[in-house]
Amino acid sequence: MRSALWMAGLAALTLMACDGTPEVVKIDPCQGIENCTRIAPGGDVQRTVQTALLTAKPGDTIGFEEGTFAFTGTLSLDDLADCDLVI
């Protein structure tokens, strides 16, 4: 009985602390990473990503922001040498 009252009290405090609006936290994909190219959705994203892939050097990072990326064709990785692609 005592634990049930304690849990009910904790739930009431939790509900009072929350105004019902979810907090949106945007994460920076390049935070704390040197030599990082940030890619955002929208615009000519296919060309932006292709350029980033072709100009990347060993040790570079390409960070994708949250969102939907619409590609209409393939991306070429033919000219990449000594690079790791981690998804």
C-alpha atoms as a PDB file:
ATOM      1  CA  MET A   1       0.000   0.000   0.000  1.00  0.00           C
ATOM      2  CA  ARG A   2       2.775   2.382   0.956  1.00  0.00           C
ATOM      3  CA  SER A   3       4.628   1.820  -2.342  1.00  0.00           C
ATOM      4  CA  ALA A   4       1.411   2.364  -4.316  1.00  0.00           C
ATOM      5  CA  LEU A   5       0.921   5.766  -2.632  1.00  0.00           C
ATOM      6  CA  TRP A   6       4.538   6.652  -3.251  1.00  0.00           C
ATOM      7  CA  MET A   7       4.216   5.757  -6.970  1.00  0.00           C
ATOM      8  CA  ALA A   8       0.980   7.774  -7.261  1.00  0.00           C
ATOM      9  CA  GLY A   9       2.694  10.786  -5.686  1.00  0.00           C
ATOM     10  CA  LEU A  10       5.668  10.450  -8.026  1.00  0.00           C
ATOM     11  CA  ALA A  11       3.337  10.230 -11.030  1.00  0.00           C
ATOM     12  CA  ALA A  12       1.496  13.378  -9.898  1.00  0.00           C
ATOM     13  CA  LEU A  13       4.772  15.293  -9.544  1.00  0.00           C
ATOM     14  CA  THR A  14       5.877  14.110 -12.962  1.00  0.00           C
ATOM     15  CA  LEU A  15       2.643  15.253 -14.561  1.00  0.00           C
ATOM     16  CA  MET A  16       2.845  18.652 -12.863  1.00  0.00           C
ATOM     17  CA  ALA A  17       6.376  19.142 -14.187  1.00  0.00           C
ATOM     18  CA  CYS A  18       5.292  18.449 -17.770  1.00  0.00           C
ATOM     19  CA  ASP A  19       3.241  21.029 -19.630  1.00  0.00           C
ATOM     20  CA  GLY A  20       2.306  18.555 -22.358  1.00  0.00           C
ATOM     21  CA  THR A  21       4.503  20.153 -25.011  1.00  0.00           C
ATOM     22  CA  PRO A  22       7.280  17.845 -26.169  1.00  0.00           C
ATOM     23  CA  GLU A  23      10.720  19.354 -26.134  1.00  0.00           C
ATOM     24  CA  VAL A  24      12.393  19.281 -29.535  1.00  0.00           C
ATOM     25  CA  VAL A  25      16.122  18.761 -29.306  1.00  0.00           C
ATOM     26  CA  LYS A  26      18.005  19.239 -32.549  1.00  0.00           C
ATOM     27  CA  ILE A  27      21.251  17.307 -32.623  1.00  0.00           C
ATOM     28  CA  ASP A  28      24.192  18.721 -34.546  1.00  0.00           C
ATOM     29  CA  PRO A  29      25.716  15.801 -36.483  1.00  0.00           C
ATOM     30  CA  CYS A  30      29.083  17.585 -36.603  1.00  0.00           C
ATOM     31  CA  GLN A  31      29.253  18.630 -32.948  1.00  0.00           C
ATOM     32  CA  GLY A  32      32.764  18.093 -31.663  1.00  0.00           C
ATOM     33  CA  ILE A  33      33.978  16.617 -34.956  1.00  0.00           C
ATOM     34  CA  GLU A  34      36.772  18.302 -36.880  1.00  0.00           C
ATOM     35  CA  ASN A  35      36.674  18.359 -40.687  1.00  0.00           C
ATOM     36  CA  CYS A  36      32.932  17.715 -40.799  1.00  0.00           C
ATOM     37  CA  THR A  37      30.647  18.720 -43.656  1.00  0.00           C
ATOM     38  CA  ARG A  38      27.049  19.198 -42.477  1.00  0.00           C
ATOM     39  CA  ILE A  39      24.316  18.191 -44.930  1.00  0.00           C
ATOM     40  CA  ALA A  40      20.752  19.446 -44.421  1.00  0.00           C
ATOM     41  CA  PRO A  41      17.663  18.104 -46.196  1.00  0.00           C
ATOM     42  CA  GLY A  42      16.080  20.162 -48.943  1.00  0.00           C
ATOM     43  CA  GLY A  43      17.397  22.160 -51.843  1.00  0.00           C
ATOM     44  CA  ASP A  44      19.660  20.343 -54.288  1.00  0.00           C
ATOM     45  CA  VAL A  45      20.691  17.797 -51.666  1.00  0.00           C
ATOM     46  CA  GLN A  46      21.770  15.207 -54.216  1.00  0.00           C
ATOM     47  CA  ARG A  47      24.374  17.556 -55.705  1.00  0.00           C
ATOM     48  CA  THR A  48      25.451  18.687 -52.221  1.00  0.00           C
ATOM     49  CA  VAL A  49      25.994  15.104 -51.053  1.00  0.00           C
ATOM     50  CA  GLN A  50      27.762  14.099 -54.274  1.00  0.00           C
ATOM     51  CA  THR A  51      30.122  17.079 -53.969  1.00  0.00           C
ATOM     52  CA  ALA A  52      30.814  16.269 -50.320  1.00  0.00           C
ATOM     53  CA  LEU A  53      31.599  12.634 -51.203  1.00  0.00           C
ATOM     54  CA  LEU A  54      33.921  13.563 -54.066  1.00  0.00           C
ATOM     55  CA  THR A  55      35.842  16.213 -52.103  1.00  0.00           C
ATOM     56  CA  ALA A  56      36.152  14.222 -48.856  1.00  0.00           C
ATOM     57  CA  LYS A  57      39.669  13.407 -47.748  1.00  0.00           C
ATOM     58  CA  PRO A  58      40.729  10.605 -45.386  1.00  0.00           C
ATOM     59  CA  GLY A  59      39.629  11.573 -41.875  1.00  0.00           C
ATOM     60  CA  ASP A  60      36.773  13.812 -43.050  1.00  0.00           C
ATOM     61  CA  THR A  61      33.227  13.284 -41.813  1.00  0.00           C
ATOM     62  CA  ILE A  62      29.957  14.006 -43.589  1.00  0.00           C
ATOM     63  CA  GLY A  63      27.155  14.570 -41.081  1.00  0.00           C
ATOM     64  CA  PHE A  64      23.513  14.393 -42.087  1.00  0.00           C
ATOM     65  CA  GLU A  65      21.035  16.518 -40.142  1.00  0.00           C
ATOM     66  CA  GLU A  66      17.735  14.991 -39.128  1.00  0.00           C
ATOM     67  CA  GLY A  67      15.163  14.875 -41.912  1.00  0.00           C
ATOM     68  CA  THR A  68      14.189  13.260 -45.171  1.00  0.00           C
ATOM     69  CA  PHE A  69      16.640  13.309 -48.045  1.00  0.00           C
ATOM     70  CA  ALA A  70      15.125  12.900 -51.511  1.00  0.00           C
ATOM     71  CA  PHE A  71      17.493  11.496 -54.113  1.00  0.00           C
ATOM     72  CA  THR A  72      16.436  11.116 -57.731  1.00  0.00           C
ATOM     73  CA  GLY A  73      19.453   9.147 -58.906  1.00  0.00           C
ATOM     74  CA  THR A  74      22.521   7.293 -57.735  1.00  0.00           C
ATOM     75  CA  LEU A  75      25.505   8.718 -55.907  1.00  0.00           C
ATOM     76  CA  SER A  76      28.937   7.921 -57.307  1.00  0.00           C
ATOM     77  CA  LEU A  77      31.669   6.608 -55.040  1.00  0.00           C
ATOM     78  CA  ASP A  78      33.995   5.693 -57.930  1.00  0.00           C
ATOM     79  CA  ASP A  79      36.596   8.390 -57.256  1.00  0.00           C
ATOM     80  CA  LEU A  80      36.884   7.746 -53.521  1.00  0.00           C
ATOM     81  CA  ALA A  81      40.177   6.262 -52.463  1.00  0.00           C
ATOM     82  CA  ASP A  82      41.306   5.323 -48.955  1.00  0.00           C
ATOM     83  CA  CYS A  83      37.969   6.376 -47.453  1.00  0.00           C
ATOM     84  CA  ASP A  84      35.636   4.479 -45.189  1.00  0.00           C
ATOM     85  CA  LEU A  85      31.903   4.855 -45.603  1.00  0.00           C
ATOM     86  CA  VAL A  86      30.090   4.309 -42.306  1.00  0.00           C
ATOM     87  CA  ILE A  87      26.312   4.410 -42.222  1.00  0.00           C
END
